[in-house]
All heavy atoms as atom14 arrays in JSON, in Angstrom:
{
  "sequence": "DFDHPVIIMQLNSARGSVTIHGNYVWERATGKSWFLG",
  "atom14_mask": [
    [1, 1, 1, 1, 1, 1, 1, 1, 0, 0, 0, 0, 0, 0],
    [1, 1, 1, 1, 1, 1, 1, 1, 1, 1, 1, 0, 0, 0],
    [1, 1, 1, 1, 1, 1, 1, 1, 0, 0, 0, 0, 0, 0],
    [1, 1, 1, 1, 1, 1, 1, 1, 1, 1, 0, 0, 0, 0],
    [1, 1, 1, 1, 1, 1, 1, 0, 0, 0, 0, 0, 0, 0],
    [1, 1, 1, 1, 1, 1, 1, 0, 0, 0, 0, 0, 0, 0],
    [1, 1, 1, 1, 1, 1, 1, 1, 0, 0, 0, 0, 0, 0],
    [1, 1, 1, 1, 1, 1, 1, 1, 0, 0, 0, 0, 0, 0],
    [1, 1, 1, 1, 1, 1, 1, 1, 0, 0, 0, 0, 0, 0],
    [1, 1, 1, 1, 1, 1, 1, 1, 1, 0, 0, 0, 0, 0],
    [1, 1, 1, 1, 1, 1, 1, 1, 0, 0, 0, 0, 0, 0],
    [1, 1, 1, 1, 1, 1, 1, 1, 0, 0, 0, 0, 0, 0],
    [1, 1, 1, 1, 1, 1, 0, 0, 0, 0, 0, 0, 0, 0],
    [1, 1, 1, 1, 1, 0, 0, 0, 0, 0, 0, 0, 0, 0],
    [1, 1, 1, 1, 1, 1, 1, 1, 1, 1, 1, 0, 0, 0],
    [1, 1, 1, 1, 0, 0, 0, 0, 0, 0, 0, 0, 0, 0],
    [1, 1, 1, 1, 1, 1, 0, 0, 0, 0, 0, 0, 0, 0],
    [1, 1, 1, 1, 1, 1, 1, 0, 0, 0, 0, 0, 0, 0],
    [1, 1, 1, 1, 1, 1, 1, 0, 0, 0, 0, 0, 0, 0],
    [1, 1, 1, 1, 1, 1, 1, 1, 0, 0, 0, 0, 0, 0],
    [1, 1, 1, 1, 1, 1, 1, 1, 1, 1, 0, 0, 0, 0],
    [1, 1, 1, 1, 0, 0, 0, 0, 0, 0, 0, 0, 0, 0],
    [1, 1, 1, 1, 1, 1, 1, 1, 0, 0, 0, 0, 0, 0],
    [1, 1, 1, 1, 1, 1, 1, 1, 1, 1, 1, 1, 0, 0],
    [1, 1, 1, 1, 1, 1, 1, 0, 0, 0, 0, 0, 0, 0],
    [1, 1, 1, 1, 1, 1, 1, 1, 1, 1, 1, 1, 1, 1],
    [1, 1, 1, 1, 1, 1, 1, 1, 1, 0, 0, 0, 0, 0],
    [1, 1, 1, 1, 1, 1, 1, 1, 1, 1, 1, 0, 0, 0],
    [1, 1, 1, 1, 1, 0, 0, 0, 0, 0, 0, 0, 0, 0],
    [1, 1, 1, 1, 1, 1, 1, 0, 0, 0, 0, 0, 0, 0],
    [1, 1, 1, 1, 0, 0, 0, 0, 0, 0, 0, 0, 0, 0],
    [1, 1, 1, 1, 1, 1, 1, 1, 1, 0, 0, 0, 0, 0],
    [1, 1, 1, 1, 1, 1, 0, 0, 0, 0, 0, 0, 0, 0],
    [1, 1, 1, 1, 1, 1, 1, 1, 1, 1, 1, 1, 1, 1],
    [1, 1, 1, 1, 1, 1, 1, 1, 1, 1, 1, 0, 0, 0],
    [1, 1, 1, 1, 1, 1, 1, 1, 0, 0, 0, 0, 0, 0],
    [1, 1, 1, 1, 0, 0, 0, 0, 0, 0, 0, 0, 0, 0]
  ],
  "atom14_positions": [
    [[-55.62, 39.44, -43.55], [-54.64, 38.91, -44.49], [-55.14, 37.51, -44.87], [-56.11, 37.0, -44.31], [-53.27, 38.83, -43.8], [-52.11, 38.73, -44.78], [-52.35, 38.71, -46.0], [-50.96, 38.66, -44.32], [0.0, 0.0, 0.0], [0.0, 0.0, 0.0], [0.0, 0.0, 0.0], [0.0, 0.0, 0.0], [0.0, 0.0, 0.0], [0.0, 0.0, 0.0]],
    [[-54.46, 36.87, -45.79], [-54.83, 35.52, -46.19], [-54.81, 34.6, -44.97], [-53.82, 34.57, -44.23], [-53.86, 35.03, -47.27], [-54.27, 33.79, -47.95], [-55.38, 33.78, -48.78], [-53.58, 32.63, -47.76], [-55.78, 32.63, -49.43], [-53.96, 31.46, -48.39], [-55.07, 31.46, -49.23], [0.0, 0.0, 0.0], [0.0, 0.0, 0.0], [0.0, 0.0, 0.0]],
    [[-55.88, 33.87, -44.72], [-56.01, 32.95, -43.58], [-56.05, 33.65, -42.22], [-55.78, 33.03, -41.2], [-54.88, 31.9, -43.54], [-54.83, 31.03, -44.77], [-55.87, 30.91, -45.46], [-53.76, 30.45, -45.04], [0.0, 0.0, 0.0], [0.0, 0.0, 0.0], [0.0, 0.0, 0.0], [0.0, 0.0, 0.0], [0.0, 0.0, 0.0], [0.0, 0.0, 0.0]],
    [[-56.37, 34.95, -42.17], [-56.42, 35.7, -40.91], [-57.73, 36.48, -40.79], [-57.76, 37.71, -40.9], [-55.24, 36.66, -40.8], [-53.94, 35.98, -40.58], [-53.21, 35.43, -41.6], [-53.25, 35.74, -39.45], [-52.11, 34.89, -41.1], [-52.11, 35.07, -39.79], [0.0, 0.0, 0.0], [0.0, 0.0, 0.0], [0.0, 0.0, 0.0], [0.0, 0.0, 0.0]],
    [[-58.85, 35.76, -40.53], [-60.14, 36.46, -40.35], [-60.21, 37.14, -38.98], [-59.79, 36.59, -37.97], [-61.17, 35.35, -40.48], [-60.44, 34.08, -40.19], [-59.01, 34.31, -40.5], [0.0, 0.0, 0.0], [0.0, 0.0, 0.0], [0.0, 0.0, 0.0], [0.0, 0.0, 0.0], [0.0, 0.0, 0.0], [0.0, 0.0, 0.0], [0.0, 0.0, 0.0]],
    [[-60.76, 38.36, -39.0], [-60.85, 39.18, -37.78], [-62.31, 39.52, -37.52], [-63.02, 39.97, -38.42], [-60.04, 40.48, -37.95], [-60.26, 41.41, -36.78], [-58.58, 40.18, -38.14], [0.0, 0.0, 0.0], [0.0, 0.0, 0.0], [0.0, 0.0, 0.0], [0.0, 0.0, 0.0], [0.0, 0.0, 0.0], [0.0, 0.0, 0.0], [0.0, 0.0, 0.0]],
    [[-62.76, 39.31, -36.28], [-64.11, 39.72, -35.87], [-64.01, 41.16, -35.4], [-63.19, 41.49, -34.54], [-64.63, 38.85, -34.71], [-64.65, 37.38, -35.1], [-66.02, 39.32, -34.27], [-64.91, 36.44, -33.95], [0.0, 0.0, 0.0], [0.0, 0.0, 0.0], [0.0, 0.0, 0.0], [0.0, 0.0, 0.0], [0.0, 0.0, 0.0], [0.0, 0.0, 0.0]],
    [[-64.84, 42.03, -35.97], [-64.83, 43.44, -35.55], [-65.53, 43.55, -34.19], [-66.69, 43.18, -34.05], [-65.54, 44.32, -36.59], [-64.76, 44.3, -37.91], [-65.67, 45.75, -36.07], [-65.43, 45.05, -39.03], [0.0, 0.0, 0.0], [0.0, 0.0, 0.0], [0.0, 0.0, 0.0], [0.0, 0.0, 0.0], [0.0, 0.0, 0.0], [0.0, 0.0, 0.0]],
    [[-64.79, 44.01, -33.2], [-65.3, 44.14, -31.84], [-65.72, 45.57, -31.52], [-66.61, 45.8, -30.72], [-64.24, 43.67, -30.83], [-63.73, 42.27, -31.06], [-65.03, 41.02, -31.02], [-65.37, 40.97, -29.29], [0.0, 0.0, 0.0], [0.0, 0.0, 0.0], [0.0, 0.0, 0.0], [0.0, 0.0, 0.0], [0.0, 0.0, 0.0], [0.0, 0.0, 0.0]],
    [[-65.04, 46.54, -32.13], [-65.34, 47.95, -31.88], [-65.09, 48.71, -33.18], [-64.09, 48.47, -33.87], [-64.44, 48.49, -30.78], [-64.72, 49.92, -30.39], [-63.79, 50.38, -29.28], [-62.82, 49.72, -28.92], [-64.07, 51.54, -28.75], [0.0, 0.0, 0.0], [0.0, 0.0, 0.0], [0.0, 0.0, 0.0], [0.0, 0.0, 0.0], [0.0, 0.0, 0.0]],
    [[-66.0, 49.62, -33.49], [-65.9, 50.38, -34.72], [-66.36, 51.8, -34.45], [-67.44, 52.0, -33.9], [-66.78, 49.71, -35.79], [-66.68, 50.24, -37.2], [-66.61, 49.07, -38.15], [-67.88, 51.07, -37.5], [0.0, 0.0, 0.0], [0.0, 0.0, 0.0], [0.0, 0.0, 0.0], [0.0, 0.0, 0.0], [0.0, 0.0, 0.0], [0.0, 0.0, 0.0]],
    [[-65.53, 52.77, -34.79], [-65.88, 54.18, -34.58], [-65.7, 54.94, -35.89], [-64.67, 54.81, -36.54], [-64.98, 54.81, -33.51], [-65.18, 54.17, -32.17], [-66.29, 53.99, -31.73], [-64.08, 53.83, -31.51], [0.0, 0.0, 0.0], [0.0, 0.0, 0.0], [0.0, 0.0, 0.0], [0.0, 0.0, 0.0], [0.0, 0.0, 0.0], [0.0, 0.0, 0.0]],
    [[-66.71, 55.73, -36.24], [-66.63, 56.58, -37.42], [-66.62, 58.03, -36.95], [-67.55, 58.47, -36.28], [-67.83, 56.35, -38.32], [-67.84, 55.03, -38.78], [0.0, 0.0, 0.0], [0.0, 0.0, 0.0], [0.0, 0.0, 0.0], [0.0, 0.0, 0.0], [0.0, 0.0, 0.0], [0.0, 0.0, 0.0], [0.0, 0.0, 0.0], [0.0, 0.0, 0.0]],
    [[-65.56, 58.74, -37.31], [-65.46, 60.15, -36.91], [-64.48, 60.87, -37.83], [-63.47, 60.29, -38.26], [-64.98, 60.27, -35.47], [0.0, 0.0, 0.0], [0.0, 0.0, 0.0], [0.0, 0.0, 0.0], [0.0, 0.0, 0.0], [0.0, 0.0, 0.0], [0.0, 0.0, 0.0], [0.0, 0.0, 0.0], [0.0, 0.0, 0.0], [0.0, 0.0, 0.0]],
    [[-64.79, 62.1, -38.15], [-63.91, 62.97, -38.93], [-63.41, 62.33, -40.21], [-62.22, 62.37, -40.54], [-62.73, 63.43, -38.09], [-63.15, 64.33, -36.97], [-61.92, 64.92, -36.26], [-62.2, 64.99, -34.85], [-61.55, 64.32, -33.91], [-60.55, 63.57, -34.22], [-61.9, 64.44, -32.66], [0.0, 0.0, 0.0], [0.0, 0.0, 0.0], [0.0, 0.0, 0.0]],
    [[-64.29, 61.67, -40.92], [-63.91, 61.11, -42.21], [-63.05, 59.87, -42.17], [-62.39, 59.54, -43.15], [0.0, 0.0, 0.0], [0.0, 0.0, 0.0], [0.0, 0.0, 0.0], [0.0, 0.0, 0.0], [0.0, 0.0, 0.0], [0.0, 0.0, 0.0], [0.0, 0.0, 0.0], [0.0, 0.0, 0.0], [0.0, 0.0, 0.0], [0.0, 0.0, 0.0]],
    [[-63.04, 59.16, -41.04], [-62.28, 57.92, -40.96], [-63.05, 56.88, -40.14], [-63.95, 57.21, -39.37], [-60.9, 58.16, -40.33], [-61.04, 58.54, -38.98], [0.0, 0.0, 0.0], [0.0, 0.0, 0.0], [0.0, 0.0, 0.0], [0.0, 0.0, 0.0], [0.0, 0.0, 0.0], [0.0, 0.0, 0.0], [0.0, 0.0, 0.0], [0.0, 0.0, 0.0]],
    [[-62.68, 55.63, -40.33], [-63.29, 54.51, -39.61], [-62.17, 53.81, -38.84], [-61.19, 53.36, -39.44], [-63.98, 53.53, -40.58], [-64.56, 52.35, -39.83], [-65.05, 54.22, -41.4], [0.0, 0.0, 0.0], [0.0, 0.0, 0.0], [0.0, 0.0, 0.0], [0.0, 0.0, 0.0], [0.0, 0.0, 0.0], [0.0, 0.0, 0.0], [0.0, 0.0, 0.0]],
    [[-62.29, 53.76, -37.52], [-61.3, 53.09, -36.67], [-61.86, 51.74, -36.25], [-62.98, 51.65, -35.76], [-60.99, 53.94, -35.42], [-60.55, 55.24, -35.85], [-59.91, 53.3, -34.57], [0.0, 0.0, 0.0], [0.0, 0.0, 0.0], [0.0, 0.0, 0.0], [0.0, 0.0, 0.0], [0.0, 0.0, 0.0], [0.0, 0.0, 0.0], [0.0, 0.0, 0.0]],
    [[-61.06, 50.69, -36.45], [-61.52, 49.32, -36.2], [-60.61, 48.63, -35.19], [-59.38, 48.67, -35.32], [-61.56, 48.51, -37.5], [-62.5, 49.18, -38.52], [-61.98, 47.07, -37.24], [-62.48, 48.54, -39.89], [0.0, 0.0, 0.0], [0.0, 0.0, 0.0], [0.0, 0.0, 0.0], [0.0, 0.0, 0.0], [0.0, 0.0, 0.0], [0.0, 0.0, 0.0]],
    [[-61.24, 47.98, -34.2], [-60.56, 47.1, -33.25], [-61.19, 45.73, -33.4], [-62.4, 45.62, -33.62], [-60.74, 47.58, -31.81], [-59.99, 48.82, -31.5], [-60.43, 50.08, -31.85], [-58.81, 49.01, -30.87], [-59.57, 50.98, -31.44], [-58.56, 50.36, -30.85], [0.0, 0.0, 0.0], [0.0, 0.0, 0.0], [0.0, 0.0, 0.0], [0.0, 0.0, 0.0]],
    [[-60.39, 44.67, -33.28], [-60.95, 43.34, -33.45], [-60.13, 42.25, -32.8], [-59.1, 42.52, -32.15], [0.0, 0.0, 0.0], [0.0, 0.0, 0.0], [0.0, 0.0, 0.0], [0.0, 0.0, 0.0], [0.0, 0.0, 0.0], [0.0, 0.0, 0.0], [0.0, 0.0, 0.0], [0.0, 0.0, 0.0], [0.0, 0.0, 0.0], [0.0, 0.0, 0.0]],
    [[-60.59, 41.02, -32.99], [-59.92, 39.81, -32.52], [-59.88, 38.82, -33.66], [-60.84, 38.75, -34.44], [-60.68, 39.15, -31.37], [-60.61, 39.9, -30.08], [-59.89, 40.87, -29.95], [-61.4, 39.47, -29.12], [0.0, 0.0, 0.0], [0.0, 0.0, 0.0], [0.0, 0.0, 0.0], [0.0, 0.0, 0.0], [0.0, 0.0, 0.0], [0.0, 0.0, 0.0]],
    [[-58.81, 38.04, -33.75], [-58.82, 36.93, -34.7], [-59.91, 35.95, -34.27], [-60.23, 35.87, -33.08], [-57.46, 36.23, -34.73], [-56.38, 37.04, -35.38], [-55.27, 37.44, -34.67], [-56.47, 37.4, -36.73], [-54.26, 38.19, -35.26], [-55.47, 38.15, -37.33], [-54.37, 38.54, -36.59], [-53.4, 39.28, -37.19], [0.0, 0.0, 0.0], [0.0, 0.0, 0.0]],
    [[-60.44, 35.19, -35.21], [-61.54, 34.27, -34.86], [-61.1, 33.24, -33.83], [-61.92, 32.78, -33.04], [-62.14, 33.58, -36.11], [-62.8, 34.59, -37.02], [-61.12, 32.77, -36.86], [0.0, 0.0, 0.0], [0.0, 0.0, 0.0], [0.0, 0.0, 0.0], [0.0, 0.0, 0.0], [0.0, 0.0, 0.0], [0.0, 0.0, 0.0], [0.0, 0.0, 0.0]],
    [[-59.83, 32.87, -33.81], [-59.37, 31.87, -32.84], [-59.16, 32.47, -31.46], [-59.03, 31.74, -30.49], [-58.1, 31.17, -33.32], [-56.97, 32.08, -33.66], [-56.06, 32.62, -32.79], [-56.63, 32.56, -34.96], [-55.18, 33.42, -33.47], [-55.5, 33.4, -34.81], [-57.16, 32.38, -36.23], [-54.9, 34.04, -35.88], [-56.56, 33.02, -37.29], [-55.44, 33.83, -37.12]],
    [[-59.18, 33.79, -31.34], [-59.06, 34.43, -30.03], [-60.41, 34.52, -29.33], [-60.48, 34.8, -28.14], [-58.5, 35.86, -30.17], [-57.08, 35.92, -30.63], [-56.6, 37.34, -30.82], [-57.31, 38.16, -31.43], [-55.49, 37.63, -30.34], [0.0, 0.0, 0.0], [0.0, 0.0, 0.0], [0.0, 0.0, 0.0], [0.0, 0.0, 0.0], [0.0, 0.0, 0.0]],
    [[-61.48, 34.31, -30.1], [-62.86, 34.47, -29.61], [-63.01, 35.86, -28.99], [-62.29, 36.78, -29.31], [-63.23, 33.38, -28.6], [-63.03, 31.98, -29.1], [-64.13, 31.58, -30.0], [-63.94, 30.18, -30.41], [-64.63, 29.62, -31.33], [-65.56, 30.28, -31.94], [-64.4, 28.38, -31.65], [0.0, 0.0, 0.0], [0.0, 0.0, 0.0], [0.0, 0.0, 0.0]],
    [[-63.95, 36.03, -28.11], [-64.17, 37.34, -27.5], [-63.51, 37.43, -26.12], [-63.74, 38.37, -25.38], [-65.66, 37.61, -27.38], [0.0, 0.0, 0.0], [0.0, 0.0, 0.0], [0.0, 0.0, 0.0], [0.0, 0.0, 0.0], [0.0, 0.0, 0.0], [0.0, 0.0, 0.0], [0.0, 0.0, 0.0], [0.0, 0.0, 0.0], [0.0, 0.0, 0.0]],
    [[-62.69, 36.44, -25.78], [-62.1, 36.4, -24.44], [-60.94, 37.38, -24.26], [-60.74, 37.91, -23.2], [-61.62, 34.99, -24.1], [-60.67, 34.58, -25.1], [-62.76, 34.01, -24.05], [0.0, 0.0, 0.0], [0.0, 0.0, 0.0], [0.0, 0.0, 0.0], [0.0, 0.0, 0.0], [0.0, 0.0, 0.0], [0.0, 0.0, 0.0], [0.0, 0.0, 0.0]],
    [[-60.19, 37.59, -25.33], [-59.04, 38.49, -25.22], [-59.42, 39.93, -25.47], [-60.49, 40.25, -25.97], [0.0, 0.0, 0.0], [0.0, 0.0, 0.0], [0.0, 0.0, 0.0], [0.0, 0.0, 0.0], [0.0, 0.0, 0.0], [0.0, 0.0, 0.0], [0.0, 0.0, 0.0], [0.0, 0.0, 0.0], [0.0, 0.0, 0.0], [0.0, 0.0, 0.0]],
    [[-58.52, 40.81, -25.1], [-58.73, 42.23, -25.34], [-58.59, 42.47, -26.85], [-57.65, 41.99, -27.48], [-57.71, 43.04, -24.57], [-57.88, 44.52, -24.71], [-56.85, 45.27, -23.91], [-57.04, 46.75, -24.14], [-56.0, 47.54, -23.5], [0.0, 0.0, 0.0], [0.0, 0.0, 0.0], [0.0, 0.0, 0.0], [0.0, 0.0, 0.0], [0.0, 0.0, 0.0]],
    [[-59.51, 43.25, -27.4], [-59.42, 43.53, -28.84], [-58.23, 44.44, -29.11], [-57.79, 45.2, -28.25], [-60.71, 44.14, -29.34], [-61.01, 45.34, -28.69], [0.0, 0.0, 0.0], [0.0, 0.0, 0.0], [0.0, 0.0, 0.0], [0.0, 0.0, 0.0], [0.0, 0.0, 0.0], [0.0, 0.0, 0.0], [0.0, 0.0, 0.0], [0.0, 0.0, 0.0]],
    [[-57.7, 44.35, -30.3], [-56.53, 45.11, -30.67], [-56.86, 46.01, -31.86], [-57.83, 45.82, -32.56], [-55.34, 44.2, -30.98], [-55.7, 42.99, -31.79], [-56.06, 41.77, -31.31], [-55.75, 42.9, -33.21], [-56.35, 40.92, -32.35], [-56.16, 41.59, -33.53], [-55.5, 43.78, -34.24], [-56.32, 41.16, -34.84], [-55.66, 43.35, -35.56], [-56.06, 42.05, -35.83]],
    [[-56.02, 47.0, -32.08], [-56.21, 48.02, -33.1], [-55.89, 47.44, -34.47], [-54.75, 47.06, -34.74], [-55.3, 49.21, -32.79], [-55.36, 50.34, -33.78], [-56.47, 51.16, -33.86], [-54.29, 50.58, -34.62], [-56.51, 52.22, -34.76], [-54.31, 51.63, -35.53], [-55.43, 52.45, -35.6], [0.0, 0.0, 0.0], [0.0, 0.0, 0.0], [0.0, 0.0, 0.0]],
    [[-56.9, 47.34, -35.33], [-56.69, 46.87, -36.7], [-56.23, 48.01, -37.59], [-55.37, 47.85, -38.45], [-57.97, 46.25, -37.25], [-57.91, 45.71, -38.68], [-56.88, 44.61, -38.8], [-59.27, 45.2, -39.11], [0.0, 0.0, 0.0], [0.0, 0.0, 0.0], [0.0, 0.0, 0.0], [0.0, 0.0, 0.0], [0.0, 0.0, 0.0], [0.0, 0.0, 0.0]],
    [[-56.81, 49.19, -37.37], [-56.36, 50.33, -38.15], [-57.39, 51.44, -38.26], [-58.52, 51.32, -37.8], [0.0, 0.0, 0.0], [0.0, 0.0, 0.0], [0.0, 0.0, 0.0], [0.0, 0.0, 0.0], [0.0, 0.0, 0.0], [0.0, 0.0, 0.0], [0.0, 0.0, 0.0], [0.0, 0.0, 0.0], [0.0, 0.0, 0.0], [0.0, 0.0, 0.0]]
  ]
}
């Protein structure tokens, strides 16, 4: 979203879709990544 950059931490492509998990840039890589969509 506006002012909400997300680092992609995990990406899976399967069955015609792309599943993305990430962290906001201010979370760094220390937190558990969350489901972007």
